PDB file of N, CA and C in Angstrom:
ATOM      1  N   UNK A   1      -0.977   2.068  57.533  1.00  0.00           N
ATOM      2  CA  UNK A   1      -1.752   3.267  57.718  1.00  0.00           C
ATOM      3  C   UNK A   1      -0.793   4.427  57.959  1.00  0.00           C
ATOM      4  N   UNK A   2      -1.110   5.555  57.389  1.00  0.00           N
ATOM      5  CA  UNK A   2      -0.270   6.736  57.545  1.00  0.00           C
ATOM      6  C   UNK A   2      -0.943   7.728  58.490  1.00  0.00           C
ATOM      7  N   UNK A   3      -0.138   8.271  59.397  1.00  0.00           N
ATOM      8  CA  UNK A   3      -0.597   9.329  60.283  1.00  0.00           C
ATOM      9  C   UNK A   3       0.264  10.554  60.028  1.00  0.00           C
ATOM     10  N   UNK A   4      -0.219  11.682  60.527  1.00  0.00           N
ATOM     11  CA  UNK A   4       0.518  12.929  60.369  1.00  0.00           C
ATOM     12  C   UNK A   4       0.804  13.477  61.753  1.00  0.00           C
ATOM     13  N   UNK A   5       2.056  13.810  62.004  1.00  0.00           N
ATOM     14  CA  UNK A   5       2.477  14.391  63.270  1.00  0.00           C
ATOM     15  C   UNK A   5       2.809  15.851  63.013  1.00  0.00           C
ATOM     16  N   UNK A   6       2.159  16.731  63.752  1.00  0.00           N
ATOM     17  CA  UNK A   6       2.442  18.169  63.677  1.00  0.00           C
ATOM     18  C   UNK A   6       3.007  18.597  65.022  1.00  0.00           C
ATOM     19  N   UNK A   7       4.252  19.031  64.993  1.00  0.00           N
ATOM     20  CA  UNK A   7       4.901  19.503  66.208  1.00  0.00           C
ATOM     21  C   UNK A   7       5.590  20.821  65.886  1.00  0.00           C
ATOM     22  N   UNK A   8       5.169  21.878  66.565  1.00  0.00           N
ATOM     23  CA  UNK A   8       5.630  23.205  66.180  1.00  0.00           C
ATOM     24  C   UNK A   8       5.164  23.487  64.760  1.00  0.00           C
ATOM     25  N   UNK A   9       6.055  23.957  63.938  1.00  0.00           N
ATOM     26  CA  UNK A   9       5.751  24.236  62.530  1.00  0.00           C
ATOM     27  C   UNK A   9       6.050  23.036  61.637  1.00  0.00           C
ATOM     28  N   UNK A  10       6.509  21.958  62.231  1.00  0.00           N
ATOM     29  CA  UNK A  10       6.936  20.775  61.473  1.00  0.00           C
ATOM     30  C   UNK A  10       5.761  19.820  61.283  1.00  0.00           C
ATOM     31  N   UNK A  11       5.549  19.398  60.055  1.00  0.00           N
ATOM     32  CA  UNK A  11       4.540  18.396  59.731  1.00  0.00           C
ATOM     33  C   UNK A  11       5.266  17.213  59.120  1.00  0.00           C
ATOM     34  N   UNK A  12       5.060  16.040  59.696  1.00  0.00           N
ATOM     35  CA  UNK A  12       5.787  14.865  59.242  1.00  0.00           C
ATOM     36  C   UNK A  12       4.848  13.668  59.135  1.00  0.00           C
ATOM     37  N   UNK A  13       4.769  13.045  57.955  1.00  0.00           N
ATOM     38  CA  UNK A  13       3.986  11.821  57.836  1.00  0.00           C
ATOM     39  C   UNK A  13       4.751  10.642  58.436  1.00  0.00           C
ATOM     40  N   UNK A  14       3.998   9.742  59.065  1.00  0.00           N
ATOM     41  CA  UNK A  14       4.570   8.544  59.672  1.00  0.00           C
ATOM     42  C   UNK A  14       3.734   7.353  59.209  1.00  0.00           C
ATOM     43  N   UNK A  15       4.406   6.356  58.664  1.00  0.00           N
ATOM     44  CA  UNK A  15       3.733   5.131  58.221  1.00  0.00           C
ATOM     45  C   UNK A  15       3.737   4.139  59.377  1.00  0.00           C
ATOM     46  N   UNK A  16       2.541   3.818  59.895  1.00  0.00           N
ATOM     47  CA  UNK A  16       2.442   2.863  60.991  1.00  0.00           C
ATOM     48  C   UNK A  16       2.600   1.444  60.466  1.00  0.00           C
ATOM     49  N   UNK A  17       3.151   0.574  61.304  1.00  0.00           N
ATOM     50  CA  UNK A  17       3.266  -0.835  60.924  1.00  0.00           C
ATOM     51  C   UNK A  17       1.984  -1.570  61.335  1.00  0.00           C
ATOM     52  N   UNK A  18       1.935  -2.854  61.155  1.00  0.00           N
ATOM     53  CA  UNK A  18       0.727  -3.626  61.429  1.00  0.00           C
ATOM     54  C   UNK A  18       0.654  -4.234  62.812  1.00  0.00           C
ATOM     55  N   UNK A  19       1.508  -3.804  63.722  1.00  0.00           N
ATOM     56  CA  UNK A  19       1.522  -4.394  65.064  1.00  0.00           C
ATOM     57  C   UNK A  19       0.242  -4.055  65.829  1.00  0.00           C
ATOM     58  N   UNK A  20      -0.032  -4.865  66.832  1.00  0.00           N
ATOM     59  CA  UNK A  20      -1.182  -4.627  67.699  1.00  0.00           C
ATOM     60  C   UNK A  20      -1.072  -3.259  68.364  1.00  0.00           C
ATOM     61  N   UNK A  21       0.120  -2.908  68.811  1.00  0.00           N
ATOM     62  CA  UNK A  21       0.330  -1.610  69.462  1.00  0.00           C
ATOM     63  C   UNK A  21       0.037  -0.467  68.492  1.00  0.00           C
ATOM     64  N   UNK A  22       0.506  -0.567  67.249  1.00  0.00           N
ATOM     65  CA  UNK A  22       0.271   0.491  66.261  1.00  0.00           C
ATOM     66  C   UNK A  22      -1.206   0.614  65.918  1.00  0.00           C
ATOM     67  N   UNK A  23      -1.898  -0.504  65.798  1.00  0.00           N
ATOM     68  CA  UNK A  23      -3.333  -0.476  65.493  1.00  0.00           C
ATOM     69  C   UNK A  23      -4.124   0.159  66.637  1.00  0.00           C
ATOM     70  N   UNK A  24      -3.753  -0.164  67.869  1.00  0.00           N
ATOM     71  CA  UNK A  24      -4.417   0.423  69.028  1.00  0.00           C
ATOM     72  C   UNK A  24      -4.122   1.912  69.117  1.00  0.00           C
ATOM     73  N   UNK A  25      -2.885   2.292  68.824  1.00  0.00           N
ATOM     74  CA  UNK A  25      -2.514   3.704  68.813  1.00  0.00           C
ATOM     75  C   UNK A  25      -3.386   4.467  67.804  1.00  0.00           C
ATOM     76  N   UNK A  26      -3.522   3.928  66.603  1.00  0.00           N
ATOM     77  CA  UNK A  26      -4.331   4.574  65.563  1.00  0.00           C
ATOM     78  C   UNK A  26      -5.783   4.735  66.012  1.00  0.00           C
ATOM     79  N   UNK A  27      -6.295   3.773  66.771  1.00  0.00           N
ATOM     80  CA  UNK A  27      -7.678   3.845  67.245  1.00  0.00           C
ATOM     81  C   UNK A  27      -7.890   4.990  68.244  1.00  0.00           C
ATOM     82  N   UNK A  28      -6.812   5.471  68.876  1.00  0.00           N
ATOM     83  CA  UNK A  28      -6.895   6.579  69.834  1.00  0.00           C
ATOM     84  C   UNK A  28      -6.751   7.946  69.164  1.00  0.00           C
ATOM     85  N   UNK A  29      -6.515   7.978  67.881  1.00  0.00           N
ATOM     86  CA  UNK A  29      -6.289   9.252  67.189  1.00  0.00           C
ATOM     87  C   UNK A  29      -7.601   9.871  66.744  1.00  0.00           C
ATOM     88  N   UNK A  30      -7.684  11.200  66.645  1.00  0.00           N
ATOM     89  CA  UNK A  30      -6.603  12.164  66.825  1.00  0.00           C
ATOM     90  C   UNK A  30      -6.279  12.368  68.305  1.00  0.00           C
ATOM     91  N   UNK A  31      -5.059  12.838  68.533  1.00  0.00           N
ATOM     92  CA  UNK A  31      -4.535  12.986  69.882  1.00  0.00           C
ATOM     93  C   UNK A  31      -3.565  14.169  69.898  1.00  0.00           C
ATOM     94  N   UNK A  32      -3.648  14.986  70.934  1.00  0.00           N
ATOM     95  CA  UNK A  32      -2.652  16.028  71.159  1.00  0.00           C
ATOM     96  C   UNK A  32      -1.913  15.678  72.432  1.00  0.00           C
ATOM     97  N   UNK A  33      -0.590  15.684  72.362  1.00  0.00           N
ATOM     98  CA  UNK A  33       0.189  15.426  73.565  1.00  0.00           C
ATOM     99  C   UNK A  33       1.358  16.382  73.651  1.00  0.00           C
ATOM    100  N   UNK A  34       1.757  16.648  74.862  1.00  0.00           N
ATOM    101  CA  UNK A  34       2.888  17.544  75.119  1.00  0.00           C
ATOM    102  C   UNK A  34       4.159  16.743  74.910  1.00  0.00           C
ATOM    103  N   UNK A  35       5.042  17.252  74.050  1.00  0.00           N
ATOM    104  CA  UNK A  35       6.298  16.556  73.771  1.00  0.00           C
ATOM    105  C   UNK A  35       7.471  17.471  74.080  1.00  0.00           C
ATOM    106  N   UNK A  36       8.509  16.878  74.628  1.00  0.00           N
ATOM    107  CA  UNK A  36       9.755  17.606  74.846  1.00  0.00           C
ATOM    108  C   UNK A  36      10.746  17.161  73.774  1.00  0.00           C
ATOM    109  N   UNK A  37      11.573  18.096  73.356  1.00  0.00           N
ATOM    110  CA  UNK A  37      12.569  17.814  72.330  1.00  0.00           C
ATOM    111  C   UNK A  37      13.922  17.647  72.999  1.00  0.00           C
ATOM    112  N   UNK A  38      14.594  16.553  72.680  1.00  0.00           N
ATOM    113  CA  UNK A  38      15.935  16.305  73.200  1.00  0.00           C
ATOM    114  C   UNK A  38      16.897  16.276  72.015  1.00  0.00           C
ATOM    115  N   UNK A  39      18.103  15.862  72.259  1.00  0.00           N
ATOM    116  CA  UNK A  39      19.093  15.769  71.177  1.00  0.00           C
ATOM    117  C   UNK A  39      18.857  14.568  70.275  1.00  0.00           C
ATOM    118  N   UNK A  40      17.965  13.651  70.676  1.00  0.00           N
ATOM    119  CA  UNK A  40      17.725  12.444  69.877  1.00  0.00           C
ATOM    120  C   UNK A  40      16.298  12.303  69.367  1.00  0.00           C
ATOM    121  N   UNK A  41      15.342  13.041  69.951  1.00  0.00           N
ATOM    122  CA  UNK A  41      13.968  12.887  69.505  1.00  0.00           C
ATOM    123  C   UNK A  41      12.991  13.762  70.255  1.00  0.00           C
ATOM    124  N   UNK A  42      11.723  13.582  69.916  1.00  0.00           N
ATOM    125  CA  UNK A  42      10.608  14.271  70.553  1.00  0.00           C
ATOM    126  C   UNK A  42       9.847  13.226  71.346  1.00  0.00           C
ATOM    127  N   UNK A  43       9.597  13.508  72.612  1.00  0.00           N
ATOM    128  CA  UNK A  43       9.059  12.480  73.515  1.00  0.00           C
ATOM    129  C   UNK A  43       7.925  13.039  74.362  1.00  0.00           C
ATOM    130  N   UNK A  44       6.884  12.213  74.565  1.00  0.00           N
ATOM    131  CA  UNK A  44       5.780  12.605  75.424  1.00  0.00           C
ATOM    132  C   UNK A  44       4.965  11.406  75.851  1.00  0.00           C
ATOM    133  N   UNK A  45       4.071  11.611  76.797  1.00  0.00           N
ATOM    134  CA  UNK A  45       3.202  10.535  77.280  1.00  0.00           C
ATOM    135  C   UNK A  45       1.815  10.699  76.675  1.00  0.00           C
ATOM    136  N   UNK A  46       1.330   9.651  75.993  1.00  0.00           N
ATOM    137  CA  UNK A  46       0.035   9.760  75.320  1.00  0.00           C
ATOM    138  C   UNK A  46      -1.174   9.722  76.248  1.00  0.00           C
ATOM    139  N   UNK A  47      -1.025   9.350  77.495  1.00  0.00           N
ATOM    140  CA  UNK A  47      -2.163   9.306  78.403  1.00  0.00           C
ATOM    141  C   UNK A  47      -2.929   7.999  78.361  1.00  0.00           C
ATOM    142  N   UNK A  48      -2.404   7.020  77.668  1.00  0.00           N
ATOM    143  CA  UNK A  48      -3.003   5.688  77.618  1.00  0.00           C
ATOM    144  C   UNK A  48      -1.902   4.683  77.355  1.00  0.00           C
ATOM    145  N   UNK A  49      -2.160   3.451  77.731  1.00  0.00           N
ATOM    146  CA  UNK A  49      -1.195   2.372  77.498  1.00  0.00           C
ATOM    147  C   UNK A  49      -1.544   1.647  76.209  1.00  0.00           C
ATOM    148  N   UNK A  50      -0.544   1.044  75.600  1.00  0.00           N
ATOM    149  CA  UNK A  50      -0.744   0.253  74.384  1.00  0.00           C
ATOM    150  C   UNK A  50      -0.400  -1.203  74.668  1.00  0.00           C
ATOM    151  N   UNK A  51      -1.189  -2.132  74.133  1.00  0.00           N
ATOM    152  CA  UNK A  51      -0.852  -3.549  74.298  1.00  0.00           C
ATOM    153  C   UNK A  51       0.373  -3.877  73.451  1.00  0.00           C
ATOM    154  N   UNK A  52       1.276  -4.663  74.000  1.00  0.00           N
ATOM    155  CA  UNK A  52       2.499  -4.998  73.276  1.00  0.00           C
ATOM    156  C   UNK A  52       2.757  -6.492  73.337  1.00  0.00           C
ATOM    157  N   UNK A  53       2.999  -7.084  72.203  1.00  0.00           N
ATOM    158  CA  UNK A  53       3.436  -8.479  72.169  1.00  0.00           C
ATOM    159  C   UNK A  53       4.899  -8.505  72.583  1.00  0.00           C
ATOM    160  N   UNK A  54       5.287  -9.483  73.378  1.00  0.00           N
ATOM    161  CA  UNK A  54       6.673  -9.584  73.838  1.00  0.00           C
ATOM    162  C   UNK A  54       7.650  -9.638  72.669  1.00  0.00           C
ATOM    163  N   UNK A  55       7.232 -10.203  71.554  1.00  0.00           N
ATOM    164  CA  UNK A  55       8.119 -10.307  70.386  1.00  0.00           C
ATOM    165  C   UNK A  55       8.350  -8.960  69.704  1.00  0.00           C
ATOM    166  N   UNK A  56       7.521  -7.948  70.024  1.00  0.00           N
ATOM    167  CA  UNK A  56       7.682  -6.618  69.426  1.00  0.00           C
ATOM    168  C   UNK A  56       8.628  -5.721  70.227  1.00  0.00           C
ATOM    169  N   UNK A  57       8.999  -6.144  71.426  1.00  0.00           N
ATOM    170  CA  UNK A  57       9.853  -5.328  72.294  1.00  0.00           C
ATOM    171  C   UNK A  57      11.316  -5.593  71.943  1.00  0.00           C
ATOM    172  N   UNK A  58      12.069  -4.519  71.750  1.00  0.00           N
ATOM    173  CA  UNK A  58      13.468  -4.626  71.322  1.00  0.00           C
ATOM    174  C   UNK A  58      14.273  -3.445  71.840  1.00  0.00           C
ATOM    175  N   UNK A  59      15.589  -3.517  71.789  1.00  0.00           N
ATOM    176  CA  UNK A  59      16.411  -2.368  72.156  1.00  0.00           C
ATOM    177  C   UNK A  59      16.604  -1.444  70.949  1.00  0.00           C
ATOM    178  N   UNK A  60      16.748  -0.165  71.224  1.00  0.00           N
ATOM    179  CA  UNK A  60      17.158   0.801  70.212  1.00  0.00           C
ATOM    180  C   UNK A  60      16.094   1.215  69.218  1.00  0.00           C
ATOM    181  N   UNK A  61      16.569   2.032  68.252  1.00  0.00           N
ATOM    182  CA  UNK A  61      15.707   2.570  67.212  1.00  0.00           C
ATOM    183  C   UNK A  61      16.520   2.887  65.975  1.00  0.00           C
ATOM    184  N   UNK A  62      15.815   3.128  64.909  1.00  0.00           N
ATOM    185  CA  UNK A  62      16.399   3.705  63.693  1.00  0.00           C
ATOM    186  C   UNK A  62      15.920   5.148  63.635  1.00  0.00           C
ATOM    187  N   UNK A  63      16.773   6.052  63.165  1.00  0.00           N
ATOM    188  CA  UNK A  63      16.349   7.441  63.030  1.00  0.00           C
ATOM    189  C   UNK A  63      15.090   7.480  62.175  1.00  0.00           C
ATOM    190  N   UNK A  64      14.054   8.149  62.680  1.00  0.00           N
ATOM    191  CA  UNK A  64      12.772   8.214  61.995  1.00  0.00           C
ATOM    192  C   UNK A  64      11.722   7.311  62.613  1.00  0.00           C
ATOM    193  N   UNK A  65      12.105   6.435  63.543  1.00  0.00           N
ATOM    194  CA  UNK A  65      11.141   5.539  64.179  1.00  0.00           C
ATOM    195  C   UNK A  65      10.218   6.285  65.139  1.00  0.00           C
ATOM    196  N   UNK A  66       8.955   5.888  65.125  1.00  0.00           N
ATOM    197  CA  UNK A  66       7.998   6.285  66.146  1.00  0.00           C
ATOM    198  C   UNK A  66       7.898   5.089  67.081  1.00  0.00           C
ATOM    199  N   UNK A  67       8.389   5.252  68.303  1.00  0.00           N
ATOM    200  CA  UNK A  67       8.449   4.145  69.258  1.00  0.00           C
ATOM    201  C   UNK A  67       7.600   4.423  70.488  1.00  0.00           C
ATOM    202  N   UNK A  68       7.175   3.332  71.077  1.00  0.00           N
ATOM    203  CA  UNK A  68       6.443   3.350  72.345  1.00  0.00           C
ATOM    204  C   UNK A  68       7.274   2.569  73.351  1.00  0.00           C
ATOM    205  N   UNK A  69       7.339   3.078  74.567  1.00  0.00           N
ATOM    206  CA  UNK A  69       8.044   2.364  75.638  1.00  0.00           C
ATOM    207  C   UNK A  69       7.012   2.004  76.698  1.00  0.00           C
ATOM    208  N   UNK A  70       6.658   0.705  76.767  1.00  0.00           N
ATOM    209  CA  UNK A  70       5.632   0.284  77.724  1.00  0.00           C
ATOM    210  C   UNK A  70       5.978   0.646  79.166  1.00  0.00           C
ATOM    211  N   UNK A  71       7.240   0.535  79.528  1.00  0.00           N
ATOM    212  CA  UNK A  71       7.670   0.905  80.876  1.00  0.00           C
ATOM    213  C   UNK A  71       7.708   2.427  80.936  1.00  0.00           C
ATOM    214  N   UNK A  72       6.665   3.021  81.471  1.00  0.00           N
ATOM    215  CA  UNK A  72       6.578   4.470  81.552  1.00  0.00           C
ATOM    216  C   UNK A  72       5.535   5.056  80.612  1.00  0.00           C
ATOM    217  N   UNK A  73       5.027   4.258  79.693  1.00  0.00           N
ATOM    218  CA  UNK A  73       4.000   4.719  78.752  1.00  0.00           C
ATOM    219  C   UNK A  73       4.389   6.016  78.049  1.00  0.00           C
ATOM    220  N   UNK A  74       5.502   6.007  77.342  1.00  0.00           N
ATOM    221  CA  UNK A  74       5.849   7.190  76.573  1.00  0.00           C
ATOM    222  C   UNK A  74       6.029   6.857  75.105  1.00  0.00           C
ATOM    223  N   UNK A  75       5.877   7.887  74.308  1.00  0.00           N
ATOM    224  CA  UNK A  75       5.953   7.808  72.860  1.00  0.00           C
ATOM    225  C   UNK A  75       7.073   8.730  72.403  1.00  0.00           C
ATOM    226  N   UNK A  76       7.863   8.302  71.435  1.00  0.00           N
ATOM    227  CA  UNK A  76       8.943   9.154  70.935  1.00  0.00           C
ATOM    228  C   UNK A  76       9.097   8.996  69.437  1.00  0.00           C
ATOM    229  N   UNK A  77       9.356  10.116  68.780  1.00  0.00           N
ATOM    230  CA  UNK A  77       9.757  10.103  67.384  1.00  0.00           C
ATOM    231  C   UNK A  77      11.243  10.448  67.391  1.00  0.00           C
ATOM    232  N   UNK A  78      12.064   9.469  67.042  1.00  0.00           N
ATOM    233  CA  UNK A  78      13.518   9.638  67.096  1.00  0.00           C
ATOM    234  C   UNK A  78      14.061  10.177  65.782  1.00  0.00           C
ATOM    235  N   UNK A  79      14.978  11.144  65.894  1.00  0.00           N
ATOM    236  CA  UNK A  79      15.579  11.711  64.694  1.00  0.00           C
ATOM    237  C   UNK A  79      17.103  11.636  64.700  1.00  0.00           C
ATOM    238  N   UNK A  80      17.683  11.043  65.742  1.00  0.00           N
ATOM    239  CA  UNK A  80      19.147  10.993  65.788  1.00  0.00           C
ATOM    240  C   UNK A  80      19.632   9.897  66.738  1.00  0.00           C
ATOM    241  N   UNK A  81      20.909   9.564  66.619  1.00  0.00           N
ATOM    242  CA  UNK A  81      21.680   8.692  67.506  1.00  0.00           C
ATOM    243  C   UNK A  81      21.308   7.213  67.433  1.00  0.00           C
ATOM    244  N   UNK A  82      20.807   6.754  66.281  1.00  0.00           N
ATOM    245  CA  UNK A  82      20.491   5.326  66.183  1.00  0.00           C
ATOM    246  C   UNK A  82      21.724   4.466  66.420  1.00  0.00           C
ATOM    247  N   UNK A  83      22.915   4.962  66.085  1.00  0.00           N
ATOM    248  CA  UNK A  83      24.143   4.176  66.237  1.00  0.00           C
ATOM    249  C   UNK A  83      24.420   3.807  67.692  1.00  0.00           C
ATOM    250  N   UNK A  84      23.912   4.605  68.644  1.00  0.00           N
ATOM    251  CA  UNK A  84      24.110   4.334  70.068  1.00  0.00           C
ATOM    252  C   UNK A  84      22.835   3.902  70.780  1.00  0.00           C
ATOM    253  N   UNK A  85      21.763   3.697  70.055  1.00  0.00           N
ATOM    254  CA  UNK A  85      20.455   3.514  70.682  1.00  0.00           C
ATOM    255  C   UNK A  85      20.222   2.133  71.283  1.00  0.00           C
ATOM    256  N   UNK A  86      21.033   1.159  70.941  1.00  0.00           N
ATOM    257  CA  UNK A  86      20.817  -0.202  71.457  1.00  0.00           C
ATOM    258  C   UNK A  86      20.912  -0.267  72.982  1.00  0.00           C
ATOM    259  N   UNK A  87      21.524   0.720  73.598  1.00  0.00           N
ATOM    260  CA  UNK A  87      21.618   0.732  75.063  1.00  0.00           C
ATOM    261  C   UNK A  87      20.273   1.043  75.731  1.00  0.00           C
ATOM    262  N   UNK A  88      19.297   1.505  74.931  1.00  0.00           N
ATOM    263  CA  UNK A  88      17.964   1.800  75.449  1.00  0.00           C
ATOM    264  C   UNK A  88      17.032   0.653  75.103  1.00  0.00           C
ATOM    265  N   UNK A  89      16.688  -0.148  76.081  1.00  0.00           N
ATOM    266  CA  UNK A  89      15.839  -1.313  75.854  1.00  0.00           C
ATOM    267  C   UNK A  89      14.365  -0.983  75.952  1.00  0.00           C
ATOM    268  N   UNK A  90      13.552  -2.009  75.763  1.00  0.00           N
ATOM    269  CA  UNK A  90      12.121  -1.875  75.951  1.00  0.00           C
ATOM    270  C   UNK A  90      11.396  -1.035  74.933  1.00  0.00           C
ATOM    271  N   UNK A  91      11.873  -0.998  73.712  1.00  0.00           N
ATOM    272  CA  UNK A  91      11.256  -0.193  72.661  1.00  0.00           C
ATOM    273  C   UNK A  91      10.283  -1.026  71.829  1.00  0.00           C
ATOM    274  N   UNK A  92       9.172  -0.427  71.445  1.00  0.00           N
ATOM    275  CA  UNK A  92       8.223  -1.045  70.535  1.00  0.00           C
ATOM    276  C   UNK A  92       8.023  -0.069  69.378  1.00  0.00           C
ATOM    277  N   UNK A  93       8.425  -0.456  68.191  1.00  0.00           N
ATOM    278  CA  UNK A  93       8.297   0.420  67.037  1.00  0.00           C
ATOM    279  C   UNK A  93       6.871   0.364  66.502  1.00  0.00           C
ATOM    280  N   UNK A  94       6.256   1.561  66.407  1.00  0.00           N
ATOM    281  CA  UNK A  94       4.897   1.685  65.878  1.00  0.00           C
ATOM    282  C   UNK A  94       4.904   2.022  64.391  1.00  0.00           C
ATOM    283  N   UNK A  95       5.965   2.673  63.943  1.00  0.00           N
ATOM    284  CA  UNK A  95       6.040   3.089  62.548  1.00  0.00           C
ATOM    285  C   UNK A  95       7.318   3.848  62.280  1.00  0.00           C
ATOM    286  N   UNK A  96       7.375   4.430  61.086  1.00  0.00           N
ATOM    287  CA  UNK A  96       8.588   5.133  60.663  1.00  0.00           C
ATOM    288  C   UNK A  96       8.206   6.376  59.860  1.00  0.00           C
ATOM    289  N   UNK A  97       8.919   7.466  60.103  1.00  0.00           N
ATOM    290  CA  UNK A  97       8.674   8.725  59.400  1.00  0.00           C
ATOM    291  C   UNK A  97       8.952   8.566  57.911  1.00  0.00           C
ATOM    292  N   UNK A  98       8.124   9.229  57.128  1.00  0.00           N
ATOM    293  CA  UNK A  98       8.277   9.231  55.678  1.00  0.00           C
ATOM    294  C   UNK A  98       8.652  10.663  55.295  1.00  0.00           C
ATOM    295  N   UNK A  99       9.928  10.902  55.134  1.00  0.00           N
ATOM    296  CA  UNK A  99      10.373  12.248  54.797  1.00  0.00           C
ATOM    297  C   UNK A  99      11.561  12.657  55.638  1.00  0.00           C
ATOM    298  N   UNK A 100      12.102  13.822  55.327  1.00  0.00           N
ATOM    299  CA  UNK A 100      13.307  14.295  56.025  1.00  0.00           C
ATOM    300  C   UNK A 100      13.036  14.668  57.477  1.00  0.00           C
ATOM    301  N   UNK A 101      14.038  14.426  58.304  1.00  0.00           N
ATOM    302  CA  UNK A 101      13.945  14.666  59.741  1.00  0.00           C
ATOM    303  C   UNK A 101      14.624  15.964  60.167  1.00  0.00           C
ATOM    304  N   UNK A 102      15.264  16.656  59.239  1.00  0.00           N
ATOM    305  CA  UNK A 102      16.074  17.841  59.567  1.00  0.00           C
ATOM    306  C   UNK A 102      15.307  18.902  60.352  1.00  0.00           C
ATOM    307  N   UNK A 103      14.052  19.169  59.991  1.00  0.00           N
ATOM    308  CA  UNK A 103      13.285  20.215  60.677  1.00  0.00           C
ATOM    309  C   UNK A 103      13.064  19.884  62.146  1.00  0.00           C
ATOM    310  N   UNK A 104      12.960  18.606  62.484  1.00  0.00           N
ATOM    311  CA  UNK A 104      12.792  18.216  63.886  1.00  0.00           C
ATOM    312  C   UNK A 104      14.037  18.551  64.697  1.00  0.00           C
ATOM    313  N   UNK A 105      15.193  18.447  64.073  1.00  0.00           N
ATOM    314  CA  UNK A 105      16.456  18.725  64.767  1.00  0.00           C
ATOM    315  C   UNK A 105      16.586  20.201  65.148  1.00  0.00           C
ATOM    316  N   UNK A 106      15.794  21.056  64.529  1.00  0.00           N
ATOM    317  CA  UNK A 106      15.842  22.491  64.809  1.00  0.00           C
ATOM    318  C   UNK A 106      14.939  22.884  65.978  1.00  0.00           C
ATOM    319  N   UNK A 107      14.065  21.992  66.404  1.00  0.00           N
ATOM    320  CA  UNK A 107      13.136  22.297  67.495  1.00  0.00           C
ATOM    321  C   UNK A 107      13.840  22.270  68.843  1.00  0.00           C
ATOM    322  N   UNK A 108      13.293  23.025  69.786  1.00  0.00           N
ATOM    323  CA  UNK A 108      13.802  23.043  71.156  1.00  0.00           C
ATOM    324  C   UNK A 108      12.635  23.141  72.117  1.00  0.00           C
ATOM    325  N   UNK A 109      12.848  22.691  73.340  1.00  0.00           N
ATOM    326  CA  UNK A 109      11.860  22.872  74.389  1.00  0.00           C
ATOM    327  C   UNK A 109      10.676  21.942  74.298  1.00  0.00           C
ATOM    328  N   UNK A 110       9.510  22.463  74.680  1.00  0.00           N
ATOM    329  CA  UNK A 110       8.270  21.691  74.728  1.00  0.00           C
ATOM    330  C   UNK A 110       7.307  22.198  73.663  1.00  0.00           C
ATOM    331  N   UNK A 111       6.550  21.260  73.099  1.00  0.00           N
ATOM    332  CA  UNK A 111       5.569  21.599  72.067  1.00  0.00           C
ATOM    333  C   UNK A 111       4.344  20.711  72.225  1.00  0.00           C
ATOM    334  N   UNK A 112       3.180  21.249  71.873  1.00  0.00           N
ATOM    335  CA  UNK A 112       1.999  20.418  71.739  1.00  0.00           C
ATOM    336  C   UNK A 112       2.071  19.755  70.375  1.00  0.00           C
ATOM    337  N   UNK A 113       2.015  18.450  70.372  1.00  0.00           N
ATOM    338  CA  UNK A 113       2.078  17.689  69.122  1.00  0.00           C
ATOM    339  C   UNK A 113       0.693  17.135  68.824  1.00  0.00           C
ATOM    340  N   UNK A 114       0.233  17.366  67.615  1.00  0.00           N
ATOM    341  CA  UNK A 114      -1.055  16.849  67.171  1.00  0.00           C
ATOM    342  C   UNK A 114      -0.789  15.685  66.232  1.00  0.00           C
ATOM    343  N   UNK A 115      -1.390  14.540  66.522  1.00  0.00           N
ATOM    344  CA  UNK A 115      -1.205  13.342  65.698  1.00  0.00           C
ATOM    345  C   UNK A 115      -2.591  12.886  65.255  1.00  0.00           C
ATOM    346  N   UNK A 116      -2.742  12.695  63.946  1.00  0.00           N
ATOM    347  CA  UNK A 116      -4.036  12.284  63.395  1.00  0.00           C
ATOM    348  C   UNK A 116      -3.798  11.373  62.208  1.00  0.00           C
ATOM    349  N   UNK A 117      -4.798  10.592  61.880  1.00  0.00           N
ATOM    350  CA  UNK A 117      -4.716   9.756  60.682  1.00  0.00           C
ATOM    351  C   UNK A 117      -4.723  10.684  59.482  1.00  0.00           C
ATOM    352  N   UNK A 118      -3.798  10.457  58.582  1.00  0.00           N
ATOM    353  CA  UNK A 118      -3.669  11.269  57.385  1.00  0.00           C
ATOM    354  C   UNK A 118      -4.774  10.925  56.393  1.00  0.00           C
ATOM    355  N   UNK A 119      -5.261  11.938  55.709  1.00  0.00           N
ATOM    356  CA  UNK A 119      -6.260  11.696  54.655  1.00  0.00           C
ATOM    357  C   UNK A 119      -5.675  10.798  53.584  1.00  0.00           C
ATOM    358  N   UNK A 120      -4.382  10.909  53.331  1.00  0.00           N
ATOM    359  CA  UNK A 120      -3.713  10.061  52.326  1.00  0.00           C
ATOM    360  C   UNK A 120      -3.513   8.644  52.853  1.00  0.00           C
ATOM    361  N   UNK A 121      -3.594   8.471  54.172  1.00  0.00           N
ATOM    362  CA  UNK A 121      -3.325   7.156  54.761  1.00  0.00           C
ATOM    363  C   UNK A 121      -4.549   6.323  55.013  1.00  0.00           C
ATOM    364  N   UNK A 122      -5.707   6.826  54.676  1.00  0.00           N
ATOM    365  CA  UNK A 122      -6.951   6.080  54.922  1.00  0.00           C
ATOM    366  C   UNK A 122      -7.133   4.963  53.931  1.00  0.00           C
TER     367      UNK A 122
END
């Protein structure tokens, strides 16, 4: 299933995987959440927890991953530093961005991010 993330002026499609966490996340959409931009990604708390199979929890990310961290209930779309990301454990990948990440790297500060199921992803 494809969702669309709008943060600032950036619109990015994300292809969700078939995990239980990703399916539950999709069931909560549309959703607006406050996200902060760091040097590695955009991060925010969705206001709900997602069920996670222990086998889905892993360290690190690939640039473009949409991850959930059960410890703390936060969601992040990562756009950089995958080479050093293994030091961050407890990640559950919900999906991966489809398209260039460069525009996300230009963002700063806090933004309201709107996430919804894409019409193309239905």
